[in-house]
Protein backbone atom coordinates (compact mmCIF):
# COMPACT_ATOMS: atom_id res chain seq x y z
CA UNK A 1 192.84 247.13 227.73
CA UNK A 2 192.16 246.15 223.44
CA UNK A 3 194.07 248.87 222.82
CA UNK A 4 195.45 248.72 219.38
CA UNK A 5 198.48 246.00 218.82
CA UNK A 6 201.60 247.16 217.01
CA UNK A 7 202.25 245.91 213.66
CA UNK A 8 198.38 245.68 213.31
CA UNK A 9 198.47 247.68 209.73
CA UNK A 10 200.49 244.28 208.25
CA UNK A 11 197.32 241.79 209.26
CA UNK A 12 194.42 240.79 208.34
CA UNK A 13 191.32 241.64 210.16
CA UNK A 14 188.23 239.83 211.34
CA UNK A 15 184.62 241.26 211.89
CA UNK A 16 181.54 239.32 212.29
CA UNK A 17 177.43 240.12 212.99
CA UNK A 18 174.40 239.59 211.61
CA UNK A 19 174.26 242.80 209.47
CA UNK A 20 170.38 242.72 209.11
CA UNK A 21 169.88 245.38 207.14
CA UNK A 22 172.88 247.14 205.31
CA UNK A 23 172.71 250.19 207.78
CA UNK A 24 175.47 252.89 207.81
CA UNK A 25 176.28 251.52 211.42
CA UNK A 26 177.51 247.96 209.89
CA UNK A 27 179.50 250.10 207.24
CA UNK A 28 181.11 252.26 209.97
CA UNK A 29 182.20 248.94 211.86
CA UNK A 30 183.60 247.51 208.39
CA UNK A 31 185.56 250.90 207.88
CA UNK A 32 187.07 251.12 211.01
CA UNK A 33 188.23 247.68 210.75
CA UNK A 34 189.56 248.06 207.49
CA UNK A 35 191.46 251.20 208.31
CA UNK A 36 193.57 248.70 210.93
CA UNK A 37 194.84 246.39 208.62
CA UNK A 38 195.43 245.40 205.51
CA UNK A 39 192.70 243.16 204.45
CA UNK A 40 189.13 242.85 205.82
CA UNK A 41 187.33 239.32 206.36
CA UNK A 42 183.51 239.50 207.54
CA UNK A 43 182.01 236.67 209.01
CA UNK A 44 177.82 236.56 208.63
CA UNK A 45 175.84 234.78 210.94
CA UNK A 46 173.46 232.14 209.69
CA UNK A 47 169.66 232.83 209.81
CA UNK A 48 169.08 229.81 212.43
CA UNK A 49 171.97 231.22 214.94
CA UNK A 50 170.54 234.52 214.68
CA UNK A 51 167.26 233.11 215.40
CA UNK A 52 168.30 231.01 218.61
CA UNK A 53 170.61 233.99 219.92
CA UNK A 54 168.70 237.06 219.05
CA UNK A 55 165.50 236.84 217.34
CA UNK A 56 164.24 236.49 213.67
CA UNK A 57 166.29 238.13 211.01
CA UNK A 58 164.82 240.45 208.50
CA UNK A 59 166.97 239.44 205.28
CA UNK A 60 167.67 235.99 204.97
CA UNK A 61 171.71 235.01 204.74
CA UNK A 62 172.13 235.16 201.06
CA UNK A 63 170.54 238.67 201.04
CA UNK A 64 172.89 239.67 204.02
CA UNK A 65 175.42 238.28 202.10
CA UNK A 66 174.99 240.28 199.27
CA UNK A 67 175.06 243.60 201.30
CA UNK A 68 178.46 242.66 202.99
CA UNK A 69 180.17 241.77 199.46
CA UNK A 70 179.32 245.42 198.15
CA UNK A 71 180.83 246.85 200.62
CA UNK A 72 184.18 248.13 199.79
CA UNK A 73 186.24 247.80 202.73
CA UNK A 74 185.41 244.12 202.58
CA UNK A 75 187.89 241.68 201.06
CA UNK A 76 185.90 238.68 201.50
CA UNK A 77 182.32 238.02 203.30
CA UNK A 78 182.17 234.53 205.14
CA UNK A 79 178.88 232.82 204.97
CA UNK A 80 177.55 230.82 208.28
CA UNK A 81 180.29 232.12 210.95
CA UNK A 82 179.79 231.16 214.60
CA UNK A 83 177.51 233.58 216.75
CA UNK A 84 180.37 233.24 219.37
CA UNK A 85 183.74 234.62 217.67
CA UNK A 86 186.10 231.14 217.62
CA UNK A 87 189.90 232.00 216.91
CA UNK A 88 190.19 228.62 215.05
CA UNK A 89 187.59 230.18 212.08
CA UNK A 90 189.84 233.50 212.21
CA UNK A 91 192.90 231.49 211.81
CA UNK A 92 191.74 229.35 208.93
CA UNK A 93 191.51 233.25 206.98
CA UNK A 94 194.72 234.11 208.45
CA UNK A 95 192.97 237.09 210.66
CA UNK A 96 194.85 237.73 213.61
CA UNK A 97 192.60 240.24 215.19
CA UNK A 98 189.16 240.72 215.60
CA UNK A 99 187.31 244.36 215.89
CA UNK A 100 184.28 244.88 217.32
CA UNK A 101 182.47 248.11 218.61
CA UNK A 102 182.39 249.52 222.22
CA UNK A 103 179.29 247.73 223.25
CA UNK A 104 179.07 244.26 224.33
CA UNK A 105 177.37 241.37 222.28
CA UNK A 106 175.98 238.61 224.31
CA UNK A 107 174.54 235.01 222.77
CA UNK A 108 171.36 233.37 224.05
CA UNK A 109 172.85 232.94 227.35
CA UNK A 110 174.11 236.36 228.15
CA UNK A 111 177.22 235.75 227.99
CA UNK A 112 179.83 237.72 225.80
CA UNK A 113 180.40 236.64 222.61
CA UNK A 114 183.76 237.73 222.49
CA UNK A 115 185.39 236.73 225.99
CA UNK A 116 187.37 233.93 224.59
CA UNK A 117 189.40 236.28 222.13
CA UNK A 118 189.47 238.87 224.73
CA UNK A 119 191.21 236.48 227.03
CA UNK A 120 193.52 235.64 224.09
CA UNK A 121 194.77 239.36 223.42
CA UNK A 122 192.96 239.02 219.98
CA UNK A 123 190.42 241.77 220.20
CA UNK A 124 190.80 244.84 219.34
CA UNK A 125 187.74 247.94 220.34
CA UNK A 126 186.56 250.75 217.56
CA UNK A 127 183.45 253.07 217.95
CA UNK A 128 179.67 251.77 217.71
CA UNK A 129 177.95 254.04 215.42
CA UNK A 130 175.27 255.90 217.66
CA UNK A 131 171.63 255.79 217.13
CA UNK A 132 171.09 253.42 214.30
CA UNK A 133 170.76 249.75 214.34
CA UNK A 134 168.32 247.02 213.01
CA UNK A 135 166.39 247.43 216.11
CA UNK A 136 166.14 250.67 215.58
CA UNK A 137 164.97 250.13 212.00
CA UNK A 138 161.98 247.72 212.60
CA UNK A 139 160.96 250.05 215.76
CA UNK A 140 160.08 252.99 213.15
CA UNK A 141 158.22 250.52 210.69
CA UNK A 142 156.13 249.04 213.51
CA UNK A 143 155.48 252.37 214.97
CA UNK A 144 155.09 254.00 211.77
CA UNK A 145 156.92 257.04 212.94
CA UNK A 146 158.81 260.06 210.86
CA UNK A 147 160.44 261.94 213.63
CA UNK A 148 163.54 260.72 211.87
CA UNK A 149 162.72 262.43 208.58
CA UNK A 150 165.17 265.43 207.45
CA UNK A 151 163.88 268.55 206.05
CA UNK A 152 164.97 269.09 202.57
CA UNK A 153 167.53 271.80 200.96
CA UNK A 154 165.05 273.83 199.77
CA UNK A 155 163.63 274.47 203.44
CA UNK A 156 166.39 276.95 204.30
CA UNK A 157 167.59 280.11 202.71
CA UNK A 158 170.85 278.55 201.48
CA UNK A 159 172.22 275.16 201.55
CA UNK A 160 175.17 276.01 203.57
CA UNK A 161 172.31 276.73 206.86
CA UNK A 162 171.32 272.82 206.31
CA UNK A 163 171.93 270.56 209.16
CA UNK A 164 173.92 268.04 206.88
CA UNK A 165 176.09 270.79 205.49
CA UNK A 166 176.53 272.72 208.81
CA UNK A 167 177.21 270.16 211.58
CA UNK A 168 180.75 268.76 211.58
CA UNK A 169 179.98 265.63 212.83
CA UNK A 170 177.70 264.54 209.69
CA UNK A 171 180.36 266.45 207.23
CA UNK A 172 183.00 263.86 209.14
CA UNK A 173 180.69 261.06 208.40
CA UNK A 174 180.42 262.08 204.61
CA UNK A 175 184.52 262.30 204.11
CA UNK A 176 185.23 259.06 205.92
CA UNK A 177 182.42 257.29 203.60
CA UNK A 178 183.52 258.85 200.50
CA UNK A 179 187.08 257.23 201.06
CA UNK A 180 188.30 254.63 198.65
CA UNK A 181 188.68 250.91 199.14
CA UNK A 182 191.44 251.37 202.08
CA UNK A 183 189.31 253.78 204.26
CA UNK A 184 192.19 256.10 204.06
CA UNK A 185 192.46 257.99 201.13
CA UNK A 186 190.01 259.98 199.20
CA UNK A 187 187.32 258.44 196.30
CA UNK A 188 183.60 259.47 195.77
CA UNK A 189 182.65 263.14 195.41
CA UNK A 190 179.88 263.92 197.29
CA UNK A 191 177.57 266.92 195.96
CA UNK A 192 174.13 269.01 196.84
CA UNK A 193 171.18 269.68 194.77
CA UNK A 194 169.44 272.39 195.70
CA UNK A 195 166.67 274.66 193.78
CA UNK A 196 168.34 277.47 195.47
CA UNK A 197 171.69 277.42 194.55
CA UNK A 198 174.13 275.53 192.05
CA UNK A 199 175.14 272.24 192.26
CA UNK A 200 177.68 272.23 195.28
CA UNK A 201 180.68 270.08 195.98
CA UNK A 202 180.48 268.91 199.60
CA UNK A 203 183.01 266.28 199.27
CA UNK A 204 185.76 266.22 196.60
CA UNK A 205 186.60 263.33 194.62
CA UNK A 206 190.26 262.07 194.39
CA UNK A 207 192.04 263.20 191.43
CA UNK A 208 191.63 259.98 189.75
CA UNK A 209 188.13 260.14 190.03
CA UNK A 210 187.73 263.85 189.06
CA UNK A 211 189.63 262.96 185.77
CA UNK A 212 187.22 259.96 185.02
CA UNK A 213 184.33 262.34 185.61
CA UNK A 214 185.59 264.34 183.20
CA UNK A 215 186.91 262.58 180.62
CA UNK A 216 185.20 259.54 180.64
CA UNK A 217 181.62 260.82 181.60
CA UNK A 218 178.78 259.75 183.73
CA UNK A 219 176.17 256.81 184.18
CA UNK A 220 173.51 258.34 186.36
CA UNK A 221 170.88 256.72 188.23
CA UNK A 222 168.52 258.03 190.91
CA UNK A 223 165.98 256.89 193.10
CA UNK A 224 165.17 256.95 197.61
CA UNK A 225 167.47 253.95 198.09
CA UNK A 226 165.76 253.20 201.27
CA UNK A 227 166.62 250.34 203.64
CA UNK A 228 169.47 249.97 201.06
CA UNK A 229 169.22 246.52 200.18
CA UNK A 230 169.95 243.32 197.45
CA UNK A 231 167.59 245.16 194.66
CA UNK A 232 169.29 248.23 195.45
CA UNK A 233 172.52 246.78 195.46
CA UNK A 234 172.37 244.49 192.23
CA UNK A 235 170.86 247.46 190.26
CA UNK A 236 174.01 249.25 191.13
CA UNK A 237 176.21 246.40 190.36
CA UNK A 238 174.91 245.97 186.53
CA UNK A 239 175.43 249.79 185.77
CA UNK A 240 178.90 249.83 187.24
CA UNK A 241 179.59 246.90 184.92
CA UNK A 242 178.51 248.93 181.93
CA UNK A 243 179.72 251.58 183.00
CA UNK A 244 183.29 249.88 183.15
CA UNK A 245 183.01 249.17 179.27
CA UNK A 246 183.82 252.70 178.73
CA UNK A 247 185.57 253.95 181.71
CA UNK A 248 182.94 256.00 182.83
CA UNK A 249 182.22 256.59 186.91
CA UNK A 250 178.71 255.76 188.27
CA UNK A 251 176.79 258.87 190.26
CA UNK A 252 173.85 258.09 192.51
CA UNK A 253 171.41 260.86 192.66
CA UNK A 254 169.56 260.00 195.94
CA UNK A 255 166.12 262.04 196.25
CA UNK A 256 165.51 263.95 199.78
CA UNK A 257 162.85 262.78 202.77
CA UNK A 258 160.29 264.94 201.45
CA UNK A 259 160.32 263.67 198.13
CA UNK A 260 160.41 260.27 198.70
CA UNK A 261 157.41 260.79 201.02
CA UNK A 262 155.48 262.95 198.86
CA UNK A 263 155.63 259.87 196.44
CA UNK A 264 155.52 257.29 198.75
CA UNK A 265 153.31 258.33 201.36
CA UNK A 266 153.10 256.89 205.05
CA UNK A 267 156.32 257.03 207.00
CA UNK A 268 158.60 256.61 203.85
CA UNK A 269 161.37 257.11 203.89
CA UNK A 270 162.56 254.59 206.98
CA UNK A 271 165.79 256.18 206.85
CA UNK A 272 166.27 259.46 206.50
CA UNK A 273 168.70 261.33 203.93
CA UNK A 274 171.35 261.07 206.14
CA UNK A 275 171.46 257.41 206.58
CA UNK A 276 170.59 256.55 202.89
CA UNK A 277 173.56 258.36 201.44
CA UNK A 278 175.84 257.21 203.85
CA UNK A 279 174.54 253.36 202.69
CA UNK A 280 174.78 254.15 198.84
CA UNK A 281 178.41 255.68 199.28
CA UNK A 282 180.01 253.00 201.50
CA UNK A 283 179.32 250.53 197.99
CA UNK A 284 181.91 249.25 195.92
CA UNK A 285 179.91 250.31 192.80
CA UNK A 286 179.48 254.14 193.74
CA UNK A 287 181.76 256.35 192.46
CA UNK A 288 179.88 259.44 193.61
CA UNK A 289 176.65 260.95 195.14
CA UNK A 290 174.18 263.64 195.01
CA UNK A 291 171.81 264.37 198.29
CA UNK A 292 168.59 265.83 197.70
CA UNK A 293 168.93 264.91 193.71
CA UNK A 294 165.60 265.93 191.86
CA UNK A 295 162.58 263.66 191.44
CA UNK A 296 162.85 264.66 187.63
CA UNK A 297 166.56 264.36 186.22
CA UNK A 298 165.91 267.56 183.59
CA UNK A 299 168.64 268.43 181.10
CA UNK A 300 169.46 271.38 182.98
CA UNK A 301 170.27 269.45 186.18
CA UNK A 302 172.44 267.01 184.52
CA UNK A 303 174.33 269.81 182.70
CA UNK A 304 175.75 270.53 186.33
CA UNK A 305 177.03 267.05 187.22
CA UNK A 306 180.80 266.95 187.16
CA UNK A 307 181.07 265.41 183.71
CA UNK A 308 179.13 264.61 180.88
CA UNK A 309 176.04 262.26 181.31
CA UNK A 310 176.13 259.23 179.25
CA UNK A 311 173.31 257.48 180.10
CA UNK A 312 170.52 257.27 182.40
CA UNK A 313 169.29 254.19 184.57
CA UNK A 314 166.02 253.19 186.25
CA UNK A 315 164.91 249.95 186.89
CA UNK A 316 161.96 247.88 185.98
CA UNK A 317 158.95 248.35 186.61
CA UNK A 318 158.67 252.20 184.93
CA UNK A 319 157.57 254.91 187.48
CA UNK A 320 155.18 258.12 187.13
CA UNK A 321 155.59 260.79 189.60
CA UNK A 322 152.50 262.20 191.72
CA UNK A 323 150.93 264.07 188.90
CA UNK A 324 151.08 260.90 186.81
CA UNK A 325 153.99 262.39 184.49
CA UNK A 326 157.14 260.20 183.77
CA UNK A 327 160.25 261.75 184.99
CA UNK A 328 162.73 260.36 182.70
CA UNK A 329 160.69 261.58 179.73
CA UNK A 330 163.07 264.06 178.32
CA UNK A 331 166.15 261.43 179.08
CA UNK A 332 164.17 259.10 176.66
CA UNK A 333 163.66 262.03 174.22
CA UNK A 334 167.54 262.59 174.22
CA UNK A 335 168.04 258.36 173.80
CA UNK A 336 169.62 258.66 177.64
CA UNK A 337 167.41 256.19 178.98
CA UNK A 338 168.27 252.88 179.83
CA UNK A 339 166.40 250.38 181.51
CA UNK A 340 168.04 247.72 183.95
CA UNK A 341 166.42 244.53 183.27
CA UNK A 342 165.44 241.33 185.22
CA UNK A 343 167.98 240.30 188.10
CA UNK A 344 168.08 238.03 190.83
CA UNK A 345 166.84 240.86 193.23
CA UNK A 346 164.29 243.10 191.34
CA UNK A 347 161.51 241.25 193.21
CA UNK A 348 162.81 242.73 196.51
CA UNK A 349 161.63 246.45 197.26
CA UNK A 350 161.41 248.65 200.32
CA UNK A 351 157.67 247.81 200.89
CA UNK A 352 158.44 244.25 200.58
CA UNK A 353 160.85 244.60 203.15
CA UNK A 354 158.20 246.50 205.66
CA UNK A 355 155.66 243.75 204.78
CA UNK A 356 158.14 241.33 205.62
CA UNK A 357 158.13 242.73 209.25
CA UNK A 358 154.56 243.69 209.80
CA UNK A 359 153.54 239.98 208.63
CA UNK A 360 155.47 238.93 211.37
CA UNK A 361 154.89 241.36 213.81
CA UNK A 362 154.40 239.59 216.89
CA UNK A 363 157.92 237.89 216.36
CA UNK A 364 159.77 241.12 215.85
CA UNK A 365 157.91 242.75 218.54
CA UNK A 366 159.36 239.82 220.91
CA UNK A 367 162.38 240.56 219.57
CA UNK A 368 162.42 244.15 220.47
CA UNK A 369 161.50 243.27 223.71
CA UNK A 370 164.26 241.01 224.45
CA UNK A 371 167.06 243.05 222.82
CA UNK A 372 165.46 245.27 225.95
CA UNK A 373 166.22 242.31 228.35
CA UNK A 374 169.58 241.54 226.53
CA UNK A 375 170.76 245.59 226.91
CA UNK A 376 170.16 245.62 230.33
CA UNK A 377 172.62 242.31 230.83
CA UNK A 378 175.41 243.82 228.46
CA UNK A 379 175.37 247.42 230.30
CA UNK A 380 176.41 245.00 233.45
CA UNK A 381 178.94 243.04 231.70
CA UNK A 382 180.27 246.25 230.40
CA UNK A 383 180.37 247.97 233.92
CA UNK A 384 181.95 245.16 235.17
CA UNK A 385 184.30 245.29 232.12
CA UNK A 386 185.45 248.90 233.19
CA UNK A 387 185.89 248.15 236.96
CA UNK A 388 188.47 245.50 235.77
CA UNK A 389 190.17 248.05 233.28
CA UNK A 390 190.46 250.31 236.05
CA UNK A 391 192.01 247.88 238.81
CA UNK A 392 194.64 246.53 236.38
CA UNK A 393 195.75 250.35 235.83
């Protein structure tokens, strides 16, 4: 049941959801959906629909739209798509099939949101990304946990022994998220920084991308990119816009969990390095990433990148490290540093989002409780669906 239909690769695909927080589970669903067809249309539910059927959103509709539009596998984002998938809305965009993960999503009445399209034979299943959801992330904020943090690359004798580099499942994810806009071909390069060894190429870029690095150079931007949000996305878009003027590539340095926690404290980062790096990789404004990038981009480090660094960017306001030093002092002396000016989402940062959740703690705790109640119903619906599948064989 719900197997891949013949000829789907020539069809436009529909996918819908809340997309609250731009986490890699959402990106993974869009990647798999895009790989199935020739274009991907993404329906994004309104704040009001989500509140009624699920609970309060963390990110507002315009913010969630910005995140979906930035995903390199989305063709178009559609605002205020119905919570219960409507074939008529799919038809408006020429979409023949709807794709969803192998879990069941229910509305406020406990009914399957996709039952109509399932009955019409328009439903196609892809694998749901395990161990990540908006509910998980909200839980980390409410409980102030740090168990999700990953040790730095310097914590092992050689980087190849590190969990992210020795696990086949992690490597497969990096390979998938580094693909181009079709989700089928090589795209971005993925590199690993450690003080114990030279910069390591984890995932090779496409030949075209590698040529861009070498011949046109790199615009570099670094940070934690925690809870990958519109503030990050708009900054990356602006850097990409500048890079295009000279045909340069945008490479993003992502600090490891220890570095972020040292600089920000508490239980930051909310997302670990693996989760944050996949969020950055799926962004259409990014041409490569460095995992575990140093907090201070010294000239000796920049010299190891796969191309000449033409500019180093950081947003407002200026920052200092835990010792009160400017991490971009060397870049400023070399006249490489450029500041990203004011933009629509520059008031949003990770702390801003966490404060949204903590400021409305009771409502989000109720959402967590409600999620548990709905999970029981969704499990029973899934078991019933499996039983019907067995009987139909």
